[in-house]
Amino acid sequence: MGMISVTATLRAALEGCGQTRYAVSKETGIPESTLSRFVAGGKPLRGENIDKLSEYLGLELMPKVKQSGTIKPGKKGRK
């Protein structure tokens, strides 16, 4: 089973939150044009805007846990 990306989760939550992009913009401080481009699949959000939008939508990033209860290590650096 594939993992859903953070951006896909944010887009779906934003589209399903029941608020206009204008209202979300006013509440979060993220420009409405930025939200519109993000929802349309254009320009990605910057880190601080991901944090603001996640908090507004009540989303939380959680580590993936193995069956044994230990946290799976993420990729560190590039080779």
PDB file of N, CA and C in Angstrom:
ATOM      1  N   MET A   1       0.846  -1.175   0.000  1.00  0.00           N
ATOM      2  CA  MET A   1       0.000   0.000   0.000  1.00  0.00           C
ATOM      3  C   MET A   1       0.891   1.238   0.000  1.00  0.00           C
ATOM      4  N   GLY A   2       0.635   2.181  -0.914  1.00  0.00           N
ATOM      5  CA  GLY A   2       1.452   3.369  -1.031  1.00  0.00           C
ATOM      6  C   GLY A   2       1.124   4.409   0.026  1.00  0.00           C
ATOM      7  N   MET A   3       2.116   5.213   0.328  1.00  0.00           N
ATOM      8  CA  MET A   3       1.938   6.265   1.312  1.00  0.00           C
ATOM      9  C   MET A   3       1.437   7.534   0.615  1.00  0.00           C
ATOM     10  N   ILE A   4       0.490   8.208   1.218  1.00  0.00           N
ATOM     11  CA  ILE A   4      -0.028   9.460   0.674  1.00  0.00           C
ATOM     12  C   ILE A   4       0.943  10.575   1.070  1.00  0.00           C
ATOM     13  N   SER A   5       1.287  11.435   0.110  1.00  0.00           N
ATOM     14  CA  SER A   5       2.256  12.493   0.383  1.00  0.00           C
ATOM     15  C   SER A   5       1.679  13.562   1.310  1.00  0.00           C
ATOM     16  N   VAL A   6       2.572  14.280   1.945  1.00  0.00           N
ATOM     17  CA  VAL A   6       2.176  15.372   2.830  1.00  0.00           C
ATOM     18  C   VAL A   6       1.417  16.429   2.031  1.00  0.00           C
ATOM     19  N   THR A   7       1.919  16.772   0.834  1.00  0.00           N
ATOM     20  CA  THR A   7       1.242  17.801   0.044  1.00  0.00           C
ATOM     21  C   THR A   7      -0.144  17.351  -0.403  1.00  0.00           C
ATOM     22  N   ALA A   8      -0.297  16.079  -0.767  1.00  0.00           N
ATOM     23  CA  ALA A   8      -1.614  15.578  -1.160  1.00  0.00           C
ATOM     24  C   ALA A   8      -2.579  15.630   0.015  1.00  0.00           C
ATOM     25  N   THR A   9      -2.083  15.301   1.201  1.00  0.00           N
ATOM     26  CA  THR A   9      -2.911  15.361   2.410  1.00  0.00           C
ATOM     27  C   THR A   9      -3.322  16.802   2.704  1.00  0.00           C
ATOM     28  N   LEU A  10      -2.373  17.730   2.593  1.00  0.00           N
ATOM     29  CA  LEU A  10      -2.691  19.151   2.821  1.00  0.00           C
ATOM     30  C   LEU A  10      -3.712  19.672   1.817  1.00  0.00           C
ATOM     31  N   ARG A  11      -3.514  19.330   0.540  1.00  0.00           N
ATOM     32  CA  ARG A  11      -4.471  19.776  -0.492  1.00  0.00           C
ATOM     33  C   ARG A  11      -5.869  19.261  -0.195  1.00  0.00           C
ATOM     34  N   ALA A  12      -5.985  17.975   0.094  1.00  0.00           N
ATOM     35  CA  ALA A  12      -7.293  17.372   0.360  1.00  0.00           C
ATOM     36  C   ALA A  12      -7.939  17.992   1.600  1.00  0.00           C
ATOM     37  N   ALA A  13      -7.146  18.214   2.643  1.00  0.00           N
ATOM     38  CA  ALA A  13      -7.687  18.814   3.866  1.00  0.00           C
ATOM     39  C   ALA A  13      -8.131  20.250   3.621  1.00  0.00           C
ATOM     40  N   LEU A  14      -7.351  20.993   2.852  1.00  0.00           N
ATOM     41  CA  LEU A  14      -7.706  22.382   2.541  1.00  0.00           C
ATOM     42  C   LEU A  14      -8.990  22.442   1.720  1.00  0.00           C
ATOM     43  N   GLU A  15      -9.085  21.583   0.712  1.00  0.00           N
ATOM     44  CA  GLU A  15     -10.280  21.573  -0.135  1.00  0.00           C
ATOM     45  C   GLU A  15     -11.512  21.096   0.634  1.00  0.00           C
ATOM     46  N   GLY A  16     -11.317  20.245   1.632  1.00  0.00           N
ATOM     47  CA  GLY A  16     -12.445  19.694   2.373  1.00  0.00           C
ATOM     48  C   GLY A  16     -12.762  20.388   3.689  1.00  0.00           C
ATOM     49  N   CYS A  17     -12.070  21.486   3.993  1.00  0.00           N
ATOM     50  CA  CYS A  17     -12.255  22.119   5.305  1.00  0.00           C
ATOM     51  C   CYS A  17     -13.528  22.958   5.415  1.00  0.00           C
ATOM     52  N   GLY A  18     -14.166  23.238   4.292  1.00  0.00           N
ATOM     53  CA  GLY A  18     -15.411  24.004   4.343  1.00  0.00           C
ATOM     54  C   GLY A  18     -15.231  25.512   4.404  1.00  0.00           C
ATOM     55  N   GLN A  19     -13.998  25.975   4.315  1.00  0.00           N
ATOM     56  CA  GLN A  19     -13.715  27.411   4.341  1.00  0.00           C
ATOM     57  C   GLN A  19     -13.201  27.852   2.970  1.00  0.00           C
ATOM     58  N   THR A  20     -13.441  29.100   2.634  1.00  0.00           N
ATOM     59  CA  THR A  20     -12.904  29.633   1.388  1.00  0.00           C
ATOM     60  C   THR A  20     -11.402  29.862   1.548  1.00  0.00           C
ATOM     61  N   ARG A  21     -10.706  29.929   0.433  1.00  0.00           N
ATOM     62  CA  ARG A  21      -9.270  30.220   0.504  1.00  0.00           C
ATOM     63  C   ARG A  21      -9.036  31.608   1.085  1.00  0.00           C
ATOM     64  N   TYR A  22      -9.965  32.515   0.837  1.00  0.00           N
ATOM     65  CA  TYR A  22      -9.876  33.855   1.413  1.00  0.00           C
ATOM     66  C   TYR A  22      -9.895  33.775   2.940  1.00  0.00           C
ATOM     67  N   ALA A  23     -10.833  33.002   3.494  1.00  0.00           N
ATOM     68  CA  ALA A  23     -10.953  32.868   4.948  1.00  0.00           C
ATOM     69  C   ALA A  23      -9.710  32.195   5.536  1.00  0.00           C
ATOM     70  N   VAL A  24      -9.217  31.159   4.866  1.00  0.00           N
ATOM     71  CA  VAL A  24      -8.016  30.469   5.330  1.00  0.00           C
ATOM     72  C   VAL A  24      -6.831  31.427   5.284  1.00  0.00           C
ATOM     73  N   SER A  25      -6.743  32.209   4.225  1.00  0.00           N
ATOM     74  CA  SER A  25      -5.677  33.187   4.071  1.00  0.00           C
ATOM     75  C   SER A  25      -5.692  34.197   5.217  1.00  0.00           C
ATOM     76  N   LYS A  26      -6.844  34.725   5.535  1.00  0.00           N
ATOM     77  CA  LYS A  26      -6.968  35.719   6.604  1.00  0.00           C
ATOM     78  C   LYS A  26      -6.585  35.129   7.953  1.00  0.00           C
ATOM     79  N   GLU A  27      -6.964  33.881   8.184  1.00  0.00           N
ATOM     80  CA  GLU A  27      -6.693  33.225   9.470  1.00  0.00           C
ATOM     81  C   GLU A  27      -5.230  32.807   9.622  1.00  0.00           C
ATOM     82  N   THR A  28      -4.600  32.392   8.520  1.00  0.00           N
ATOM     83  CA  THR A  28      -3.233  31.858   8.586  1.00  0.00           C
ATOM     84  C   THR A  28      -2.150  32.865   8.216  1.00  0.00           C
ATOM     85  N   GLY A  29      -2.533  33.902   7.470  1.00  0.00           N
ATOM     86  CA  GLY A  29      -1.536  34.854   6.987  1.00  0.00           C
ATOM     87  C   GLY A  29      -0.859  34.404   5.693  1.00  0.00           C
ATOM     88  N   ILE A  30      -1.293  33.259   5.144  1.00  0.00           N
ATOM     89  CA  ILE A  30      -0.757  32.780   3.869  1.00  0.00           C
ATOM     90  C   ILE A  30      -1.535  33.478   2.755  1.00  0.00           C
ATOM     91  N   PRO A  31      -0.864  34.136   1.810  1.00  0.00           N
ATOM     92  CA  PRO A  31      -1.591  34.831   0.748  1.00  0.00           C
ATOM     93  C   PRO A  31      -2.558  33.896  -0.001  1.00  0.00           C
ATOM     94  N   GLU A  32      -3.729  34.417  -0.324  1.00  0.00           N
ATOM     95  CA  GLU A  32      -4.737  33.635  -1.041  1.00  0.00           C
ATOM     96  C   GLU A  32      -4.192  33.115  -2.363  1.00  0.00           C
ATOM     97  N   SER A  33      -3.385  33.916  -3.041  1.00  0.00           N
ATOM     98  CA  SER A  33      -2.805  33.485  -4.318  1.00  0.00           C
ATOM     99  C   SER A  33      -1.879  32.281  -4.122  1.00  0.00           C
ATOM    100  N   THR A  34      -1.161  32.247  -3.021  1.00  0.00           N
ATOM    101  CA  THR A  34      -0.285  31.112  -2.707  1.00  0.00           C
ATOM    102  C   THR A  34      -1.112  29.858  -2.493  1.00  0.00           C
ATOM    103  N   LEU A  35      -2.206  29.983  -1.750  1.00  0.00           N
ATOM    104  CA  LEU A  35      -3.093  28.840  -1.510  1.00  0.00           C
ATOM    105  C   LEU A  35      -3.701  28.347  -2.821  1.00  0.00           C
ATOM    106  N   SER A  36      -4.114  29.269  -3.680  1.00  0.00           N
ATOM    107  CA  SER A  36      -4.714  28.893  -4.962  1.00  0.00           C
ATOM    108  C   SER A  36      -3.729  28.142  -5.846  1.00  0.00           C
ATOM    109  N   ARG A  37      -2.496  28.633  -5.930  1.00  0.00           N
ATOM    110  CA  ARG A  37      -1.472  27.940  -6.733  1.00  0.00           C
ATOM    111  C   ARG A  37      -1.170  26.562  -6.159  1.00  0.00           C
ATOM    112  N   PHE A  38      -1.139  26.461  -4.835  1.00  0.00           N
ATOM    113  CA  PHE A  38      -0.872  25.180  -4.184  1.00  0.00           C
ATOM    114  C   PHE A  38      -1.975  24.168  -4.491  1.00  0.00           C
ATOM    115  N   VAL A  39      -3.233  24.577  -4.351  1.00  0.00           N
ATOM    116  CA  VAL A  39      -4.362  23.677  -4.603  1.00  0.00           C
ATOM    117  C   VAL A  39      -4.391  23.248  -6.067  1.00  0.00           C
ATOM    118  N   ALA A  40      -4.026  24.151  -6.966  1.00  0.00           N
ATOM    119  CA  ALA A  40      -4.028  23.846  -8.402  1.00  0.00           C
ATOM    120  C   ALA A  40      -2.859  22.934  -8.798  1.00  0.00           C
ATOM    121  N   GLY A  41      -1.971  22.635  -7.850  1.00  0.00           N
ATOM    122  CA  GLY A  41      -0.848  21.756  -8.145  1.00  0.00           C
ATOM    123  C   GLY A  41       0.367  22.485  -8.661  1.00  0.00           C
ATOM    124  N   GLY A  42       0.337  23.793  -8.559  1.00  0.00           N
ATOM    125  CA  GLY A  42       1.466  24.593  -9.032  1.00  0.00           C
ATOM    126  C   GLY A  42       2.548  24.689  -7.987  1.00  0.00           C
ATOM    127  N   LYS A  43       2.885  25.890  -7.634  1.00  0.00           N
ATOM    128  CA  LYS A  43       3.980  26.180  -6.716  1.00  0.00           C
ATOM    129  C   LYS A  43       3.757  25.507  -5.350  1.00  0.00           C
ATOM    130  N   PRO A  44       4.775  24.790  -4.842  1.00  0.00           N
ATOM    131  CA  PRO A  44       4.641  24.161  -3.523  1.00  0.00           C
ATOM    132  C   PRO A  44       4.698  25.204  -2.403  1.00  0.00           C
ATOM    133  N   LEU A  45       4.234  24.818  -1.236  1.00  0.00           N
ATOM    134  CA  LEU A  45       4.284  25.704  -0.075  1.00  0.00           C
ATOM    135  C   LEU A  45       5.668  25.670   0.557  1.00  0.00           C
ATOM    136  N   ARG A  46       6.079  26.784   1.151  1.00  0.00           N
ATOM    137  CA  ARG A  46       7.328  26.837   1.913  1.00  0.00           C
ATOM    138  C   ARG A  46       7.085  26.195   3.276  1.00  0.00           C
ATOM    139  N   GLY A  47       8.140  25.833   3.933  1.00  0.00           N
ATOM    140  CA  GLY A  47       8.065  25.152   5.226  1.00  0.00           C
ATOM    141  C   GLY A  47       7.198  25.856   6.254  1.00  0.00           C
ATOM    142  N   GLU A  48       7.384  27.166   6.414  1.00  0.00           N
ATOM    143  CA  GLU A  48       6.606  27.885   7.428  1.00  0.00           C
ATOM    144  C   GLU A  48       5.118  27.912   7.076  1.00  0.00           C
ATOM    145  N   ASN A  49       4.805  27.936   5.774  1.00  0.00           N
ATOM    146  CA  ASN A  49       3.391  27.905   5.373  1.00  0.00           C
ATOM    147  C   ASN A  49       2.786  26.515   5.558  1.00  0.00           C
ATOM    148  N   ILE A  50       3.594  25.467   5.388  1.00  0.00           N
ATOM    149  CA  ILE A  50       3.123  24.112   5.679  1.00  0.00           C
ATOM    150  C   ILE A  50       2.768  24.022   7.162  1.00  0.00           C
ATOM    151  N   ASP A  51       3.628  24.590   8.009  1.00  0.00           N
ATOM    152  CA  ASP A  51       3.367  24.580   9.453  1.00  0.00           C
ATOM    153  C   ASP A  51       2.077  25.328   9.793  1.00  0.00           C
ATOM    154  N   LYS A  52       1.914  26.525   9.229  1.00  0.00           N
ATOM    155  CA  LYS A  52       0.713  27.334   9.508  1.00  0.00           C
ATOM    156  C   LYS A  52      -0.558  26.630   9.041  1.00  0.00           C
ATOM    157  N   LEU A  53      -0.510  26.092   7.815  1.00  0.00           N
ATOM    158  CA  LEU A  53      -1.684  25.442   7.255  1.00  0.00           C
ATOM    159  C   LEU A  53      -2.014  24.158   8.018  1.00  0.00           C
ATOM    160  N   SER A  54      -0.998  23.390   8.369  1.00  0.00           N
ATOM    161  CA  SER A  54      -1.215  22.162   9.136  1.00  0.00           C
ATOM    162  C   SER A  54      -1.856  22.458  10.486  1.00  0.00           C
ATOM    163  N   GLU A  55      -1.370  23.492  11.149  1.00  0.00           N
ATOM    164  CA  GLU A  55      -1.944  23.861  12.446  1.00  0.00           C
ATOM    165  C   GLU A  55      -3.401  24.310  12.273  1.00  0.00           C
ATOM    166  N   TYR A  56      -3.663  25.141  11.290  1.00  0.00           N
ATOM    167  CA  TYR A  56      -5.027  25.618  11.036  1.00  0.00           C
ATOM    168  C   TYR A  56      -5.984  24.457  10.769  1.00  0.00           C
ATOM    169  N   LEU A  57      -5.508  23.473  10.001  1.00  0.00           N
ATOM    170  CA  LEU A  57      -6.356  22.338   9.618  1.00  0.00           C
ATOM    171  C   LEU A  57      -6.373  21.230  10.678  1.00  0.00           C
ATOM    172  N   GLY A  58      -5.570  21.372  11.715  1.00  0.00           N
ATOM    173  CA  GLY A  58      -5.525  20.368  12.774  1.00  0.00           C
ATOM    174  C   GLY A  58      -4.798  19.097  12.366  1.00  0.00           C
ATOM    175  N   LEU A  59      -3.827  19.235  11.472  1.00  0.00           N
ATOM    176  CA  LEU A  59      -3.060  18.073  11.009  1.00  0.00           C
ATOM    177  C   LEU A  59      -1.752  17.969  11.778  1.00  0.00           C
ATOM    178  N   GLU A  60      -1.285  16.750  11.911  1.00  0.00           N
ATOM    179  CA  GLU A  60      -0.059  16.496  12.638  1.00  0.00           C
ATOM    180  C   GLU A  60       0.754  15.452  11.882  1.00  0.00           C
ATOM    181  N   LEU A  61       2.041  15.683  11.739  1.00  0.00           N
ATOM    182  CA  LEU A  61       2.921  14.738  11.072  1.00  0.00           C
ATOM    183  C   LEU A  61       3.433  13.762  12.121  1.00  0.00           C
ATOM    184  N   MET A  62       3.208  12.475  11.868  1.00  0.00           N
ATOM    185  CA  MET A  62       3.594  11.450  12.827  1.00  0.00           C
ATOM    186  C   MET A  62       4.622  10.514  12.188  1.00  0.00           C
ATOM    187  N   PRO A  63       5.573  10.023  12.978  1.00  0.00           N
ATOM    188  CA  PRO A  63       6.526   9.063  12.434  1.00  0.00           C
ATOM    189  C   PRO A  63       5.835   7.735  12.151  1.00  0.00           C
ATOM    190  N   LYS A  64       6.320   7.062  11.123  1.00  0.00           N
ATOM    191  CA  LYS A  64       5.792   5.755  10.787  1.00  0.00           C
ATOM    192  C   LYS A  64       6.396   4.740  11.756  1.00  0.00           C
ATOM    193  N   VAL A  65       5.572   3.856  12.299  1.00  0.00           N
ATOM    194  CA  VAL A  65       6.033   2.900  13.295  1.00  0.00           C
ATOM    195  C   VAL A  65       6.012   1.499  12.710  1.00  0.00           C
ATOM    196  N   LYS A  66       7.110   0.764  12.917  1.00  0.00           N
ATOM    197  CA  LYS A  66       7.191  -0.625  12.475  1.00  0.00           C
ATOM    198  C   LYS A  66       6.317  -1.493  13.363  1.00  0.00           C
ATOM    199  N   GLN A  67       6.082  -2.716  12.941  1.00  0.00           N
ATOM    200  CA  GLN A  67       5.312  -3.688  13.720  1.00  0.00           C
ATOM    201  C   GLN A  67       5.899  -3.864  15.116  1.00  0.00           C
ATOM    202  N   SER A  68       7.220  -3.835  15.233  1.00  0.00           N
ATOM    203  CA  SER A  68       7.873  -4.073  16.517  1.00  0.00           C
ATOM    204  C   SER A  68       7.732  -2.888  17.472  1.00  0.00           C
ATOM    205  N   GLY A  69       7.205  -1.771  16.967  1.00  0.00           N
ATOM    206  CA  GLY A  69       7.018  -0.594  17.807  1.00  0.00           C
ATOM    207  C   GLY A  69       8.163   0.397  17.742  1.00  0.00           C
ATOM    208  N   THR A  70       9.174   0.118  16.915  1.00  0.00           N
ATOM    209  CA  THR A  70      10.266   1.067  16.773  1.00  0.00           C
ATOM    210  C   THR A  70      10.010   1.960  15.569  1.00  0.00           C
ATOM    211  N   ILE A  71      10.572   3.133  15.617  1.00  0.00           N
ATOM    212  CA  ILE A  71      10.380   4.098  14.528  1.00  0.00           C
ATOM    213  C   ILE A  71      11.291   3.737  13.367  1.00  0.00           C
ATOM    214  N   LYS A  72      10.716   3.755  12.148  1.00  0.00           N
ATOM    215  CA  LYS A  72      11.512   3.514  10.952  1.00  0.00           C
ATOM    216  C   LYS A  72      12.420   4.714  10.709  1.00  0.00           C
ATOM    217  N   PRO A  73      13.700   4.457  10.458  1.00  0.00           N
ATOM    218  CA  PRO A  73      14.589   5.579  10.191  1.00  0.00           C
ATOM    219  C   PRO A  73      14.295   6.182   8.825  1.00  0.00           C
ATOM    220  N   GLY A  74      14.430   7.490   8.723  1.00  0.00           N
ATOM    221  CA  GLY A  74      14.264   8.173   7.439  1.00  0.00           C
ATOM    222  C   GLY A  74      15.588   8.197   6.718  1.00  0.00           C
ATOM    223  N   LYS A  75      15.551   8.607   5.471  1.00  0.00           N
ATOM    224  CA  LYS A  75      16.776   8.741   4.695  1.00  0.00           C
ATOM    225  C   LYS A  75      17.527   9.958   5.188  1.00  0.00           C
ATOM    226  N   LYS A  76      18.812   9.809   5.417  1.00  0.00           N
ATOM    227  CA  LYS A  76      19.630  10.923   5.873  1.00  0.00           C
ATOM    228  C   LYS A  76      20.669  11.228   4.821  1.00  0.00           C
ATOM    229  N   GLY A  77      20.572  12.413   4.245  1.00  0.00           N
ATOM    230  CA  GLY A  77      21.562  12.846   3.260  1.00  0.00           C
ATOM    231  C   GLY A  77      21.447  12.106   1.938  1.00  0.00           C
ATOM    232  N   ARG A  78      22.250  12.514   1.012  1.00  0.00           N
ATOM    233  CA  ARG A  78      22.284  11.899  -0.324  1.00  0.00           C
ATOM    234  C   ARG A  78      23.672  11.347  -0.575  1.00  0.00           C
ATOM    235  N   LYS A  79      23.718  10.327  -1.390  1.00  0.00           N
ATOM    236  CA  LYS A  79      25.027   9.760  -1.765  1.00  0.00           C
ATOM    237  C   LYS A  79      25.434  10.275  -3.101  1.00  0.00           C
TER     238      LYS A  79
END
